[in-house]
Amino acid sequence: AGLLLSAALPQSRLVVLDGCGHMPQMERPDDSAAAIRMFAAMSQ
């Protein structure tokens, strides 16, 4: 679903965390935080 939505929204950016389920902030906290920081930096 994420790939389809990302393809439909040209300005979107999809980040896939390998080996991660529905709780990325708990399963991969460092990678999740890095993705959020990247998003925030692009939004300024």
PDB file of N, CA and C in Angstrom:
ATOM      1  N   ALA A   1       0.826  -1.192   0.000  1.00  0.00           N
ATOM      2  CA  ALA A   1       0.000   0.000   0.000  1.00  0.00           C
ATOM      3  C   ALA A   1       0.871   1.256   0.000  1.00  0.00           C
ATOM      4  N   GLY A   2       1.947   1.235   0.756  1.00  0.00           N
ATOM      5  CA  GLY A   2       2.819   2.399   0.821  1.00  0.00           C
ATOM      6  C   GLY A   2       3.449   2.731  -0.516  1.00  0.00           C
ATOM      7  N   LEU A   3       3.837   1.706  -1.254  1.00  0.00           N
ATOM      8  CA  LEU A   3       4.437   1.928  -2.575  1.00  0.00           C
ATOM      9  C   LEU A   3       3.432   2.550  -3.534  1.00  0.00           C
ATOM     10  N   LEU A   4       2.192   2.067  -3.511  1.00  0.00           N
ATOM     11  CA  LEU A   4       1.154   2.617  -4.390  1.00  0.00           C
ATOM     12  C   LEU A   4       0.860   4.069  -4.042  1.00  0.00           C
ATOM     13  N   LEU A   5       0.733   4.359  -2.769  1.00  0.00           N
ATOM     14  CA  LEU A   5       0.451   5.724  -2.344  1.00  0.00           C
ATOM     15  C   LEU A   5       1.606   6.649  -2.698  1.00  0.00           C
ATOM     16  N   SER A   6       2.814   6.203  -2.477  1.00  0.00           N
ATOM     17  CA  SER A   6       3.984   7.007  -2.808  1.00  0.00           C
ATOM     18  C   SER A   6       4.055   7.289  -4.306  1.00  0.00           C
ATOM     19  N   ALA A   7       3.729   6.295  -5.125  1.00  0.00           N
ATOM     20  CA  ALA A   7       3.747   6.475  -6.579  1.00  0.00           C
ATOM     21  C   ALA A   7       2.670   7.454  -7.032  1.00  0.00           C
ATOM     22  N   ALA A   8       1.558   7.502  -6.316  1.00  0.00           N
ATOM     23  CA  ALA A   8       0.448   8.381  -6.691  1.00  0.00           C
ATOM     24  C   ALA A   8       0.686   9.828  -6.264  1.00  0.00           C
ATOM     25  N   LEU A   9       1.592  10.050  -5.340  1.00  0.00           N
ATOM     26  CA  LEU A   9       1.868  11.395  -4.823  1.00  0.00           C
ATOM     27  C   LEU A   9       3.288  11.794  -5.210  1.00  0.00           C
ATOM     28  N   PRO A  10       3.440  12.575  -6.277  1.00  0.00           N
ATOM     29  CA  PRO A  10       4.778  12.862  -6.805  1.00  0.00           C
ATOM     30  C   PRO A  10       5.726  13.550  -5.819  1.00  0.00           C
ATOM     31  N   GLN A  11       5.215  14.317  -4.879  1.00  0.00           N
ATOM     32  CA  GLN A  11       6.081  15.014  -3.927  1.00  0.00           C
ATOM     33  C   GLN A  11       6.332  14.205  -2.655  1.00  0.00           C
ATOM     34  N   SER A  12       5.862  12.961  -2.628  1.00  0.00           N
ATOM     35  CA  SER A  12       6.011  12.149  -1.420  1.00  0.00           C
ATOM     36  C   SER A  12       7.398  11.513  -1.353  1.00  0.00           C
ATOM     37  N   ARG A  13       7.719  11.035  -0.178  1.00  0.00           N
ATOM     38  CA  ARG A  13       8.968  10.306   0.030  1.00  0.00           C
ATOM     39  C   ARG A  13       8.644   9.118   0.928  1.00  0.00           C
ATOM     40  N   LEU A  14       8.916   7.927   0.444  1.00  0.00           N
ATOM     41  CA  LEU A  14       8.651   6.703   1.199  1.00  0.00           C
ATOM     42  C   LEU A  14       9.947   6.210   1.822  1.00  0.00           C
ATOM     43  N   VAL A  15       9.904   5.948   3.103  1.00  0.00           N
ATOM     44  CA  VAL A  15      11.045   5.373   3.812  1.00  0.00           C
ATOM     45  C   VAL A  15      10.618   3.993   4.303  1.00  0.00           C
ATOM     46  N   VAL A  16      11.330   2.964   3.883  1.00  0.00           N
ATOM     47  CA  VAL A  16      11.034   1.591   4.296  1.00  0.00           C
ATOM     48  C   VAL A  16      12.143   1.129   5.233  1.00  0.00           C
ATOM     49  N   LEU A  17      11.765   0.721   6.413  1.00  0.00           N
ATOM     50  CA  LEU A  17      12.724   0.207   7.380  1.00  0.00           C
ATOM     51  C   LEU A  17      12.663  -1.318   7.327  1.00  0.00           C
ATOM     52  N   ASP A  18      13.686  -1.930   6.774  1.00  0.00           N
ATOM     53  CA  ASP A  18      13.721  -3.387   6.631  1.00  0.00           C
ATOM     54  C   ASP A  18      13.610  -4.076   7.988  1.00  0.00           C
ATOM     55  N   GLY A  19      12.870  -5.150   8.019  1.00  0.00           N
ATOM     56  CA  GLY A  19      12.733  -5.937   9.232  1.00  0.00           C
ATOM     57  C   GLY A  19      11.887  -5.280  10.295  1.00  0.00           C
ATOM     58  N   CYS A  20      11.073  -4.329   9.895  1.00  0.00           N
ATOM     59  CA  CYS A  20      10.277  -3.570  10.849  1.00  0.00           C
ATOM     60  C   CYS A  20       8.797  -3.820  10.591  1.00  0.00           C
ATOM     61  N   GLY A  21       8.020  -3.914  11.663  1.00  0.00           N
ATOM     62  CA  GLY A  21       6.583  -4.138  11.542  1.00  0.00           C
ATOM     63  C   GLY A  21       5.800  -2.845  11.700  1.00  0.00           C
ATOM     64  N   HIS A  22       4.788  -2.891  12.566  1.00  0.00           N
ATOM     65  CA  HIS A  22       3.872  -1.768  12.723  1.00  0.00           C
ATOM     66  C   HIS A  22       4.297  -0.775  13.804  1.00  0.00           C
ATOM     67  N   MET A  23       5.414  -1.003  14.442  1.00  0.00           N
ATOM     68  CA  MET A  23       5.860  -0.104  15.505  1.00  0.00           C
ATOM     69  C   MET A  23       7.311   0.314  15.272  1.00  0.00           C
ATOM     70  N   PRO A  24       7.568   1.062  14.208  1.00  0.00           N
ATOM     71  CA  PRO A  24       8.955   1.414  13.884  1.00  0.00           C
ATOM     72  C   PRO A  24       9.646   2.208  14.980  1.00  0.00           C
ATOM     73  N   GLN A  25       8.892   3.032  15.702  1.00  0.00           N
ATOM     74  CA  GLN A  25       9.503   3.843  16.754  1.00  0.00           C
ATOM     75  C   GLN A  25      10.026   2.983  17.901  1.00  0.00           C
ATOM     76  N   MET A  26       9.506   1.766  18.044  1.00  0.00           N
ATOM     77  CA  MET A  26       9.992   0.863  19.092  1.00  0.00           C
ATOM     78  C   MET A  26      10.949  -0.191  18.533  1.00  0.00           C
ATOM     79  N   GLU A  27      10.702  -0.633  17.301  1.00  0.00           N
ATOM     80  CA  GLU A  27      11.520  -1.691  16.714  1.00  0.00           C
ATOM     81  C   GLU A  27      12.838  -1.167  16.150  1.00  0.00           C
ATOM     82  N   ARG A  28      12.808   0.026  15.591  1.00  0.00           N
ATOM     83  CA  ARG A  28      14.008   0.629  14.984  1.00  0.00           C
ATOM     84  C   ARG A  28      14.039   2.114  15.360  1.00  0.00           C
ATOM     85  N   PRO A  29      14.199   2.431  16.646  1.00  0.00           N
ATOM     86  CA  PRO A  29      14.086   3.822  17.089  1.00  0.00           C
ATOM     87  C   PRO A  29      15.094   4.776  16.442  1.00  0.00           C
ATOM     88  N   ASP A  30      16.322   4.344  16.265  1.00  0.00           N
ATOM     89  CA  ASP A  30      17.325   5.237  15.677  1.00  0.00           C
ATOM     90  C   ASP A  30      17.001   5.544  14.218  1.00  0.00           C
ATOM     91  N   ASP A  31      16.609   4.522  13.470  1.00  0.00           N
ATOM     92  CA  ASP A  31      16.266   4.727  12.060  1.00  0.00           C
ATOM     93  C   ASP A  31      14.992   5.553  11.919  1.00  0.00           C
ATOM     94  N   SER A  32      14.027   5.322  12.803  1.00  0.00           N
ATOM     95  CA  SER A  32      12.786   6.102  12.771  1.00  0.00           C
ATOM     96  C   SER A  32      13.076   7.574  13.051  1.00  0.00           C
ATOM     97  N   ALA A  33      13.883   7.825  14.061  1.00  0.00           N
ATOM     98  CA  ALA A  33      14.227   9.202  14.411  1.00  0.00           C
ATOM     99  C   ALA A  33      14.981   9.879  13.271  1.00  0.00           C
ATOM    100  N   ALA A  34      15.870   9.156  12.614  1.00  0.00           N
ATOM    101  CA  ALA A  34      16.618   9.730  11.492  1.00  0.00           C
ATOM    102  C   ALA A  34      15.677  10.101  10.351  1.00  0.00           C
ATOM    103  N   ALA A  35      14.697   9.255  10.067  1.00  0.00           N
ATOM    104  CA  ALA A  35      13.734   9.546   9.002  1.00  0.00           C
ATOM    105  C   ALA A  35      12.891  10.764   9.358  1.00  0.00           C
ATOM    106  N   ILE A  36      12.501  10.884  10.620  1.00  0.00           N
ATOM    107  CA  ILE A  36      11.711  12.036  11.059  1.00  0.00           C
ATOM    108  C   ILE A  36      12.545  13.310  10.983  1.00  0.00           C
ATOM    109  N   ARG A  37      13.806  13.231  11.404  1.00  0.00           N
ATOM    110  CA  ARG A  37      14.683  14.411  11.316  1.00  0.00           C
ATOM    111  C   ARG A  37      14.871  14.846   9.870  1.00  0.00           C
ATOM    112  N   MET A  38      15.040  13.889   8.960  1.00  0.00           N
ATOM    113  CA  MET A  38      15.197  14.199   7.543  1.00  0.00           C
ATOM    114  C   MET A  38      13.939  14.902   7.013  1.00  0.00           C
ATOM    115  N   PHE A  39      12.764  14.378   7.373  1.00  0.00           N
ATOM    116  CA  PHE A  39      11.507  14.988   6.953  1.00  0.00           C
ATOM    117  C   PHE A  39      11.396  16.415   7.489  1.00  0.00           C
ATOM    118  N   ALA A  40      11.709  16.605   8.762  1.00  0.00           N
ATOM    119  CA  ALA A  40      11.612  17.931   9.370  1.00  0.00           C
ATOM    120  C   ALA A  40      12.574  18.912   8.706  1.00  0.00           C
ATOM    121  N   ALA A  41      13.771  18.471   8.388  1.00  0.00           N
ATOM    122  CA  ALA A  41      14.752  19.345   7.742  1.00  0.00           C
ATOM    123  C   ALA A  41      14.288  19.761   6.348  1.00  0.00           C
ATOM    124  N   MET A  42      13.617  18.860   5.633  1.00  0.00           N
ATOM    125  CA  MET A  42      13.130  19.179   4.287  1.00  0.00           C
ATOM    126  C   MET A  42      11.918  20.107   4.332  1.00  0.00           C
ATOM    127  N   SER A  43      11.224  20.148   5.454  1.00  0.00           N
ATOM    128  CA  SER A  43       9.994  20.930   5.572  1.00  0.00           C
ATOM    129  C   SER A  43      10.252  22.377   5.953  1.00  0.00           C
ATOM    130  N   GLN A  44      11.474  22.712   6.289  1.00  0.00           N
ATOM    131  CA  GLN A  44      11.766  24.078   6.744  1.00  0.00           C
ATOM    132  C   GLN A  44      12.016  25.000   5.585  1.00  0.00           C
TER     133      GLN A  44
END
